[in-house]
Amino acid sequence: MGKKLIACSIDVSAINKAKIKPHQNGKKYYNFTVSLSDEEDQYGNHAMISESTTKEERDNDIKGTILGNGKVVWSTPERQQPKQETAPSNNPEAVTEIDDDVPF
């Protein structure tokens, strides 16, 4: 898979402020999830950003609030698997496998 740059936008008014958690380093964090799709939606989006859910919420089928979306705005080409070259059978310089009964 190539690298991708995704530009995202969220509706900050949709953030549940009760889910902003203080950390021991004094900073405050808000967890969210990005769902990435290979296919574009009808608006050209490739990603959906939603509020993260706890295991308990997921077990109770509670979904996180949708906060926004994102689009792939840049990507590198997909890497191709290198092709294995096979020597033509009529090549006198082709290396052939020798079975000399050596166990390694």
N, C-alpha and C. Protein backbone atom coordinates (compact mmCIF):
# COMPACT_ATOMS: atom_id res chain seq x y z
N MET A 1 0.85 -1.17 0.00
CA MET A 1 0.00 0.00 0.00
C MET A 1 0.89 1.23 0.00
N GLY A 2 0.55 2.19 -0.82
CA GLY A 2 1.28 3.44 -0.84
C GLY A 2 0.89 4.32 0.33
N LYS A 3 1.63 5.39 0.51
CA LYS A 3 1.29 6.35 1.57
C LYS A 3 0.21 7.28 1.07
N LYS A 4 -0.63 7.75 1.99
CA LYS A 4 -1.73 8.64 1.65
C LYS A 4 -1.77 9.80 2.64
N LEU A 5 -2.15 10.95 2.14
CA LEU A 5 -2.39 12.12 2.98
C LEU A 5 -3.88 12.39 2.92
N ILE A 6 -4.51 12.43 4.08
CA ILE A 6 -5.96 12.60 4.15
C ILE A 6 -6.26 13.90 4.88
N ALA A 7 -6.97 14.79 4.21
CA ALA A 7 -7.40 16.05 4.81
C ALA A 7 -8.76 15.81 5.46
N CYS A 8 -8.88 16.15 6.74
CA CYS A 8 -10.11 15.89 7.49
C CYS A 8 -10.71 17.17 8.03
N SER A 9 -11.99 17.11 8.26
CA SER A 9 -12.71 18.22 8.85
C SER A 9 -13.73 17.67 9.84
N ILE A 10 -13.78 18.26 11.03
CA ILE A 10 -14.76 17.81 12.01
C ILE A 10 -15.63 18.97 12.48
N ASP A 11 -16.80 18.62 12.93
CA ASP A 11 -17.74 19.57 13.53
C ASP A 11 -17.42 19.63 15.02
N VAL A 12 -16.71 20.64 15.47
CA VAL A 12 -16.28 20.70 16.87
C VAL A 12 -17.47 20.83 17.83
N SER A 13 -18.61 21.30 17.33
CA SER A 13 -19.78 21.40 18.22
C SER A 13 -20.35 20.01 18.53
N ALA A 14 -19.95 18.98 17.76
CA ALA A 14 -20.45 17.62 17.99
C ALA A 14 -19.62 16.87 19.03
N ILE A 15 -18.50 17.45 19.45
CA ILE A 15 -17.64 16.78 20.44
C ILE A 15 -18.33 16.74 21.80
N ASN A 16 -18.43 15.55 22.37
CA ASN A 16 -18.99 15.37 23.71
C ASN A 16 -17.89 15.75 24.71
N LYS A 17 -18.01 16.91 25.29
CA LYS A 17 -16.97 17.43 26.18
C LYS A 17 -16.72 16.54 27.40
N ALA A 18 -17.72 15.72 27.76
CA ALA A 18 -17.54 14.79 28.88
C ALA A 18 -16.52 13.71 28.55
N LYS A 19 -16.26 13.52 27.25
CA LYS A 19 -15.29 12.50 26.84
C LYS A 19 -13.87 13.06 26.70
N ILE A 20 -13.68 14.32 26.98
CA ILE A 20 -12.33 14.90 26.99
C ILE A 20 -11.72 14.54 28.33
N LYS A 21 -10.64 13.79 28.28
CA LYS A 21 -10.05 13.24 29.50
C LYS A 21 -8.70 13.90 29.82
N PRO A 22 -8.53 14.30 31.08
CA PRO A 22 -7.22 14.84 31.48
C PRO A 22 -6.20 13.70 31.61
N HIS A 23 -4.99 13.99 31.22
CA HIS A 23 -3.90 13.01 31.31
C HIS A 23 -2.99 13.43 32.45
N GLN A 24 -2.18 12.50 32.94
CA GLN A 24 -1.26 12.81 34.05
C GLN A 24 -0.22 13.85 33.64
N ASN A 25 -0.03 14.07 32.33
CA ASN A 25 0.93 15.08 31.89
C ASN A 25 0.32 16.49 31.89
N GLY A 26 -0.96 16.59 32.32
CA GLY A 26 -1.63 17.89 32.41
C GLY A 26 -2.39 18.27 31.15
N LYS A 27 -2.19 17.53 30.07
CA LYS A 27 -2.90 17.83 28.83
C LYS A 27 -4.24 17.10 28.82
N LYS A 28 -5.14 17.55 27.95
CA LYS A 28 -6.46 16.93 27.83
C LYS A 28 -6.55 16.27 26.45
N TYR A 29 -7.12 15.06 26.42
CA TYR A 29 -7.20 14.29 25.18
C TYR A 29 -8.63 13.90 24.87
N TYR A 30 -8.93 13.85 23.58
CA TYR A 30 -10.22 13.41 23.08
C TYR A 30 -9.95 12.32 22.06
N ASN A 31 -10.48 11.14 22.28
CA ASN A 31 -10.23 10.03 21.37
C ASN A 31 -11.30 9.95 20.30
N PHE A 32 -10.84 9.73 19.08
CA PHE A 32 -11.75 9.56 17.96
C PHE A 32 -11.22 8.45 17.07
N THR A 33 -12.07 8.00 16.17
CA THR A 33 -11.75 6.90 15.27
C THR A 33 -11.90 7.38 13.84
N VAL A 34 -10.96 6.97 12.99
CA VAL A 34 -11.04 7.27 11.57
C VAL A 34 -11.28 5.96 10.83
N SER A 35 -12.37 5.89 10.10
CA SER A 35 -12.68 4.72 9.27
C SER A 35 -12.33 5.08 7.84
N LEU A 36 -11.39 4.34 7.26
CA LEU A 36 -10.89 4.62 5.92
C LEU A 36 -11.46 3.62 4.93
N SER A 37 -11.88 4.12 3.78
CA SER A 37 -12.44 3.27 2.74
C SER A 37 -11.65 3.45 1.45
N ASP A 38 -11.51 2.38 0.68
CA ASP A 38 -10.86 2.47 -0.62
C ASP A 38 -11.76 3.14 -1.64
N GLU A 39 -13.05 3.13 -1.39
CA GLU A 39 -14.03 3.70 -2.31
C GLU A 39 -14.48 5.08 -1.84
N GLU A 40 -14.68 5.99 -2.78
CA GLU A 40 -15.21 7.32 -2.46
C GLU A 40 -16.70 7.24 -2.21
N ASP A 41 -17.21 8.10 -1.31
CA ASP A 41 -18.66 8.21 -1.18
C ASP A 41 -19.17 9.20 -2.22
N GLN A 42 -20.43 9.52 -2.17
CA GLN A 42 -21.02 10.41 -3.18
C GLN A 42 -20.45 11.83 -3.15
N TYR A 43 -19.75 12.19 -2.05
CA TYR A 43 -19.16 13.52 -1.93
C TYR A 43 -17.66 13.52 -2.15
N GLY A 44 -17.10 12.37 -2.52
CA GLY A 44 -15.67 12.27 -2.75
C GLY A 44 -14.86 11.98 -1.49
N ASN A 45 -15.53 11.63 -0.40
CA ASN A 45 -14.84 11.34 0.86
C ASN A 45 -14.37 9.90 0.90
N HIS A 46 -13.22 9.71 1.56
CA HIS A 46 -12.66 8.37 1.75
C HIS A 46 -12.61 7.98 3.22
N ALA A 47 -12.92 8.91 4.10
CA ALA A 47 -12.79 8.65 5.54
C ALA A 47 -13.97 9.24 6.30
N MET A 48 -14.29 8.60 7.43
CA MET A 48 -15.31 9.10 8.34
C MET A 48 -14.67 9.18 9.72
N ILE A 49 -14.85 10.28 10.40
CA ILE A 49 -14.32 10.46 11.75
C ILE A 49 -15.48 10.39 12.72
N SER A 50 -15.32 9.54 13.74
CA SER A 50 -16.37 9.41 14.74
C SER A 50 -15.76 9.37 16.13
N GLU A 51 -16.58 9.63 17.11
CA GLU A 51 -16.18 9.59 18.51
C GLU A 51 -15.82 8.14 18.87
N SER A 52 -14.69 7.95 19.53
CA SER A 52 -14.31 6.60 19.97
C SER A 52 -15.30 6.10 21.01
N THR A 53 -15.46 4.79 21.04
CA THR A 53 -16.36 4.17 22.02
C THR A 53 -15.57 3.20 22.89
N THR A 54 -16.06 3.00 24.09
CA THR A 54 -15.43 2.05 25.00
C THR A 54 -15.87 0.64 24.62
N LYS A 55 -15.21 -0.36 25.17
CA LYS A 55 -15.59 -1.75 24.91
C LYS A 55 -17.03 -1.98 25.36
N GLU A 56 -17.38 -1.44 26.51
CA GLU A 56 -18.74 -1.60 27.03
C GLU A 56 -19.76 -0.99 26.06
N GLU A 57 -19.47 0.19 25.54
CA GLU A 57 -20.38 0.83 24.58
C GLU A 57 -20.50 -0.03 23.31
N ARG A 58 -19.36 -0.53 22.82
CA ARG A 58 -19.41 -1.39 21.62
C ARG A 58 -20.19 -2.66 21.89
N ASP A 59 -20.00 -3.26 23.08
CA ASP A 59 -20.74 -4.47 23.44
C ASP A 59 -22.25 -4.22 23.48
N ASN A 60 -22.64 -2.99 23.81
CA ASN A 60 -24.06 -2.62 23.85
C ASN A 60 -24.53 -1.98 22.54
N ASP A 61 -23.71 -2.14 21.48
CA ASP A 61 -24.02 -1.65 20.14
C ASP A 61 -24.26 -0.13 20.12
N ILE A 62 -23.55 0.60 20.96
CA ILE A 62 -23.63 2.06 20.96
C ILE A 62 -22.55 2.59 20.04
N LYS A 63 -22.96 3.36 19.05
CA LYS A 63 -22.05 3.92 18.06
C LYS A 63 -21.57 5.29 18.51
N GLY A 64 -20.36 5.64 18.11
CA GLY A 64 -19.84 6.97 18.40
C GLY A 64 -20.47 7.99 17.47
N THR A 65 -20.62 9.21 17.95
CA THR A 65 -21.17 10.30 17.15
C THR A 65 -20.27 10.56 15.95
N ILE A 66 -20.86 10.74 14.78
CA ILE A 66 -20.07 11.08 13.60
C ILE A 66 -19.67 12.55 13.72
N LEU A 67 -18.36 12.78 13.62
CA LEU A 67 -17.82 14.13 13.80
C LEU A 67 -17.47 14.82 12.49
N GLY A 68 -17.14 14.05 11.46
CA GLY A 68 -16.75 14.66 10.20
C GLY A 68 -16.29 13.63 9.20
N ASN A 69 -15.53 14.10 8.20
CA ASN A 69 -15.09 13.22 7.14
C ASN A 69 -13.73 13.67 6.61
N GLY A 70 -13.22 12.92 5.67
CA GLY A 70 -11.93 13.24 5.10
C GLY A 70 -11.79 12.74 3.68
N LYS A 71 -10.86 13.36 2.95
CA LYS A 71 -10.60 13.00 1.56
C LYS A 71 -9.11 12.75 1.39
N VAL A 72 -8.78 11.77 0.56
CA VAL A 72 -7.39 11.56 0.19
C VAL A 72 -7.02 12.72 -0.75
N VAL A 73 -6.01 13.50 -0.36
CA VAL A 73 -5.60 14.64 -1.18
C VAL A 73 -4.25 14.41 -1.85
N TRP A 74 -3.54 13.36 -1.43
CA TRP A 74 -2.26 13.03 -2.02
C TRP A 74 -1.94 11.58 -1.71
N SER A 75 -1.34 10.89 -2.65
CA SER A 75 -0.91 9.51 -2.38
C SER A 75 0.26 9.16 -3.29
N THR A 76 1.06 8.22 -2.79
CA THR A 76 2.16 7.70 -3.60
C THR A 76 1.60 6.55 -4.42
N PRO A 77 2.27 6.22 -5.51
CA PRO A 77 1.80 5.08 -6.30
C PRO A 77 1.85 3.80 -5.49
N GLU A 78 0.94 2.90 -5.80
CA GLU A 78 0.94 1.59 -5.15
C GLU A 78 2.20 0.86 -5.56
N ARG A 79 2.80 0.17 -4.61
CA ARG A 79 4.00 -0.60 -4.92
C ARG A 79 3.62 -1.89 -5.63
N GLN A 80 4.33 -2.16 -6.68
CA GLN A 80 4.13 -3.40 -7.41
C GLN A 80 5.06 -4.46 -6.84
N GLN A 81 4.59 -5.69 -6.77
CA GLN A 81 5.44 -6.78 -6.35
C GLN A 81 6.44 -7.05 -7.47
N PRO A 82 7.73 -7.20 -7.13
CA PRO A 82 8.71 -7.47 -8.18
C PRO A 82 8.39 -8.79 -8.87
N LYS A 83 8.54 -8.79 -10.19
CA LYS A 83 8.27 -10.00 -10.95
C LYS A 83 9.48 -10.92 -10.87
N GLN A 84 9.22 -12.20 -10.71
CA GLN A 84 10.30 -13.17 -10.71
C GLN A 84 10.65 -13.47 -12.14
N GLU A 85 11.93 -13.33 -12.44
CA GLU A 85 12.37 -13.63 -13.78
C GLU A 85 12.70 -15.10 -13.88
N THR A 86 12.27 -15.70 -14.96
CA THR A 86 12.59 -17.10 -15.19
C THR A 86 13.50 -17.18 -16.40
N ALA A 87 14.50 -18.02 -16.31
CA ALA A 87 15.43 -18.17 -17.42
C ALA A 87 14.78 -19.00 -18.51
N PRO A 88 14.93 -18.58 -19.77
CA PRO A 88 14.37 -19.38 -20.85
C PRO A 88 15.08 -20.73 -20.92
N SER A 89 14.34 -21.76 -21.29
CA SER A 89 14.90 -23.11 -21.28
C SER A 89 15.94 -23.32 -22.37
N ASN A 90 15.94 -22.49 -23.41
CA ASN A 90 16.91 -22.68 -24.48
C ASN A 90 18.19 -21.86 -24.27
N ASN A 91 18.35 -21.24 -23.10
CA ASN A 91 19.53 -20.44 -22.80
C ASN A 91 20.62 -21.35 -22.24
N PRO A 92 21.76 -21.47 -22.92
CA PRO A 92 22.81 -22.36 -22.43
C PRO A 92 23.46 -21.86 -21.14
N GLU A 93 23.30 -20.57 -20.83
CA GLU A 93 23.89 -20.02 -19.61
C GLU A 93 22.93 -20.06 -18.43
N ALA A 94 21.72 -20.56 -18.65
CA ALA A 94 20.74 -20.61 -17.58
C ALA A 94 21.19 -21.58 -16.50
N VAL A 95 20.97 -21.18 -15.25
CA VAL A 95 21.34 -22.02 -14.11
C VAL A 95 20.25 -23.05 -13.92
N THR A 96 20.66 -24.29 -13.79
CA THR A 96 19.69 -25.33 -13.51
C THR A 96 19.94 -25.89 -12.13
N GLU A 97 18.89 -26.39 -11.53
CA GLU A 97 19.01 -26.93 -10.18
C GLU A 97 19.61 -28.33 -10.25
N ILE A 98 20.59 -28.58 -9.40
CA ILE A 98 21.26 -29.88 -9.38
C ILE A 98 20.87 -30.60 -8.13
N ASP A 99 20.43 -31.84 -8.26
CA ASP A 99 20.08 -32.66 -7.11
C ASP A 99 21.25 -33.59 -6.85
N ASP A 100 22.09 -33.25 -5.86
CA ASP A 100 23.27 -34.08 -5.57
C ASP A 100 23.12 -34.81 -4.25
N ASP A 101 21.90 -35.00 -3.80
CA ASP A 101 21.58 -35.74 -2.57
C ASP A 101 22.23 -35.16 -1.31
N VAL A 102 22.57 -33.87 -1.32
CA VAL A 102 23.09 -33.20 -0.13
C VAL A 102 21.88 -32.75 0.69
N PRO A 103 21.84 -33.08 1.98
CA PRO A 103 20.62 -32.79 2.77
C PRO A 103 20.43 -31.32 3.12
N PHE A 104 21.20 -30.43 2.54
CA PHE A 104 20.98 -29.00 2.82
C PHE A 104 21.05 -28.19 1.58
